Amino acid sequence: RIFNILLQHSLPLTDSSDWIDENFVDGEDIALYDLKYLERLPEKVKELLEDESKAERIIEKGFDNVKNHFTWKQSVDAMLQEVENIFVE
């Protein structure tokens, strides 16, 4: 879902996870909210809608991150490398 959003040059606004935290930076290449503080979500959305240049910077960095690290080819190559590592060891 996040990949598709960014590759469509749109801004993902999502809650965090360990995987997201390892691969993205809030406010740099993704927009995150905390499920514990949902009352802050409307303000976060308002901020992103009002600051178009900030939103565009996040989208561009997120697009580059996905394009450079998370395409189907890169995912398959990583899986094949893992399989090769298993059988070579």
C-alpha atoms as a PDB file:
ATOM      1  CA  ARG A   1       0.000   0.000   0.000  1.00  0.00           C
ATOM      2  CA  ILE A   2       2.719   2.501   0.937  1.00  0.00           C
ATOM      3  CA  PHE A   3       4.763   1.659  -2.147  1.00  0.00           C
ATOM      4  CA  ASN A   4       1.800   2.149  -4.472  1.00  0.00           C
ATOM      5  CA  ILE A   5       0.899   5.448  -2.860  1.00  0.00           C
ATOM      6  CA  LEU A   6       4.413   6.838  -3.217  1.00  0.00           C
ATOM      7  CA  LEU A   7       4.900   5.504  -6.733  1.00  0.00           C
ATOM      8  CA  GLN A   8       1.710   7.375  -7.676  1.00  0.00           C
ATOM      9  CA  HIS A   9       3.321  10.567  -6.313  1.00  0.00           C
ATOM     10  CA  SER A  10       0.918  10.747  -3.406  1.00  0.00           C
ATOM     11  CA  LEU A  11       1.574  11.148   0.297  1.00  0.00           C
ATOM     12  CA  PRO A  12       1.043   8.145   2.569  1.00  0.00           C
ATOM     13  CA  LEU A  13      -0.225   8.982   6.038  1.00  0.00           C
ATOM     14  CA  THR A  14      -0.148   5.846   8.151  1.00  0.00           C
ATOM     15  CA  ASP A  15       0.529   4.497  11.589  1.00  0.00           C
ATOM     16  CA  SER A  16       3.978   3.204  12.386  1.00  0.00           C
ATOM     17  CA  SER A  17       5.364  -0.307  12.584  1.00  0.00           C
ATOM     18  CA  ASP A  18       8.816  -1.760  13.195  1.00  0.00           C
ATOM     19  CA  TRP A  19       9.277  -2.322   9.452  1.00  0.00           C
ATOM     20  CA  ILE A  20       8.196   1.200   8.575  1.00  0.00           C
ATOM     21  CA  ASP A  21      10.487   2.658  11.233  1.00  0.00           C
ATOM     22  CA  GLU A  22      13.423   0.685   9.806  1.00  0.00           C
ATOM     23  CA  ASN A  23      12.811   1.819   6.226  1.00  0.00           C
ATOM     24  CA  PHE A  24      11.267   5.300   6.412  1.00  0.00           C
ATOM     25  CA  VAL A  25      11.633   8.493   8.433  1.00  0.00           C
ATOM     26  CA  ASP A  26       8.553  10.371   9.595  1.00  0.00           C
ATOM     27  CA  GLY A  27       8.375  13.792   7.996  1.00  0.00           C
ATOM     28  CA  GLU A  28      11.193  12.945   5.571  1.00  0.00           C
ATOM     29  CA  ASP A  29       9.842  10.243   3.249  1.00  0.00           C
ATOM     30  CA  ILE A  30       6.549   9.309   4.901  1.00  0.00           C
ATOM     31  CA  ALA A  31       3.955  10.897   7.192  1.00  0.00           C
ATOM     32  CA  LEU A  32       3.099   8.968  10.342  1.00  0.00           C
ATOM     33  CA  TYR A  33       0.559   9.271  13.111  1.00  0.00           C
ATOM     34  CA  ASP A  34       0.384   7.527  16.453  1.00  0.00           C
ATOM     35  CA  LEU A  35      -2.632   5.331  17.170  1.00  0.00           C
ATOM     36  CA  LYS A  36      -2.363   6.333  20.847  1.00  0.00           C
ATOM     37  CA  TYR A  37      -2.985   9.964  19.907  1.00  0.00           C
ATOM     38  CA  LEU A  38      -5.649   9.867  17.216  1.00  0.00           C
ATOM     39  CA  GLU A  39      -6.953  13.220  18.422  1.00  0.00           C
ATOM     40  CA  ARG A  40      -3.803  14.743  16.863  1.00  0.00           C
ATOM     41  CA  LEU A  41      -4.554  13.254  13.431  1.00  0.00           C
ATOM     42  CA  PRO A  42      -6.753  16.131  12.142  1.00  0.00           C
ATOM     43  CA  GLU A  43      -3.994  18.635  12.946  1.00  0.00           C
ATOM     44  CA  LYS A  44      -1.416  16.457  11.167  1.00  0.00           C
ATOM     45  CA  VAL A  45      -3.633  16.279   8.072  1.00  0.00           C
ATOM     46  CA  LYS A  46      -4.251  20.034   8.178  1.00  0.00           C
ATOM     47  CA  GLU A  47      -0.510  20.723   8.444  1.00  0.00           C
ATOM     48  CA  LEU A  48       0.265  18.518   5.436  1.00  0.00           C
ATOM     49  CA  LEU A  49      -2.515  20.041   3.343  1.00  0.00           C
ATOM     50  CA  GLU A  50      -1.502  23.606   4.178  1.00  0.00           C
ATOM     51  CA  ASP A  51       2.232  23.144   3.584  1.00  0.00           C
ATOM     52  CA  GLU A  52       2.261  21.868   0.018  1.00  0.00           C
ATOM     53  CA  SER A  53       6.015  22.263  -0.387  1.00  0.00           C
ATOM     54  CA  LYS A  54       6.667  20.106   2.693  1.00  0.00           C
ATOM     55  CA  ALA A  55       4.225  17.471   1.459  1.00  0.00           C
ATOM     56  CA  GLU A  56       5.881  17.492  -1.975  1.00  0.00           C
ATOM     57  CA  ARG A  57       9.354  17.064  -0.440  1.00  0.00           C
ATOM     58  CA  ILE A  58       8.114  14.067   1.557  1.00  0.00           C
ATOM     59  CA  ILE A  59       6.505  12.572  -1.553  1.00  0.00           C
ATOM     60  CA  GLU A  60       9.658  13.003  -3.661  1.00  0.00           C
ATOM     61  CA  LYS A  61      11.957  11.497  -1.021  1.00  0.00           C
ATOM     62  CA  GLY A  62       9.514   8.657  -0.439  1.00  0.00           C
ATOM     63  CA  PHE A  63       9.229   8.029  -4.179  1.00  0.00           C
ATOM     64  CA  ASP A  64      13.020   7.874  -4.489  1.00  0.00           C
ATOM     65  CA  ASN A  65      13.266   5.548  -1.484  1.00  0.00           C
ATOM     66  CA  VAL A  66      10.733   3.125  -2.932  1.00  0.00           C
ATOM     67  CA  LYS A  67      12.119   3.357  -6.475  1.00  0.00           C
ATOM     68  CA  ASN A  68      15.658   2.706  -5.229  1.00  0.00           C
ATOM     69  CA  HIS A  69      14.950  -0.034  -2.693  1.00  0.00           C
ATOM     70  CA  PHE A  70      11.539  -1.650  -3.041  1.00  0.00           C
ATOM     71  CA  THR A  71      10.721  -2.504  -6.645  1.00  0.00           C
ATOM     72  CA  TRP A  72       9.567  -6.007  -7.552  1.00  0.00           C
ATOM     73  CA  LYS A  73      12.946  -6.718  -9.129  1.00  0.00           C
ATOM     74  CA  GLN A  74      14.824  -5.641  -6.019  1.00  0.00           C
ATOM     75  CA  SER A  75      12.517  -7.706  -3.820  1.00  0.00           C
ATOM     76  CA  VAL A  76      12.963 -10.815  -5.956  1.00  0.00           C
ATOM     77  CA  ASP A  77      16.735 -10.282  -6.119  1.00  0.00           C
ATOM     78  CA  ALA A  78      16.864 -10.060  -2.316  1.00  0.00           C
ATOM     79  CA  MET A  79      14.809 -13.250  -1.962  1.00  0.00           C
ATOM     80  CA  LEU A  80      17.023 -15.098  -4.437  1.00  0.00           C
ATOM     81  CA  GLN A  81      20.108 -13.919  -2.578  1.00  0.00           C
ATOM     82  CA  GLU A  82      18.673 -15.249   0.685  1.00  0.00           C
ATOM     83  CA  VAL A  83      17.894 -18.612  -0.928  1.00  0.00           C
ATOM     84  CA  GLU A  84      21.403 -18.744  -2.367  1.00  0.00           C
ATOM     85  CA  ASN A  85      22.866 -17.942   1.064  1.00  0.00           C
ATOM     86  CA  ILE A  86      20.950 -20.855   2.574  1.00  0.00           C
ATOM     87  CA  PHE A  87      22.195 -23.363   0.023  1.00  0.00           C
ATOM     88  CA  VAL A  88      25.785 -22.077  -0.149  1.00  0.00           C
ATOM     89  CA  GLU A  89      26.283 -22.288   3.601  1.00  0.00           C
END
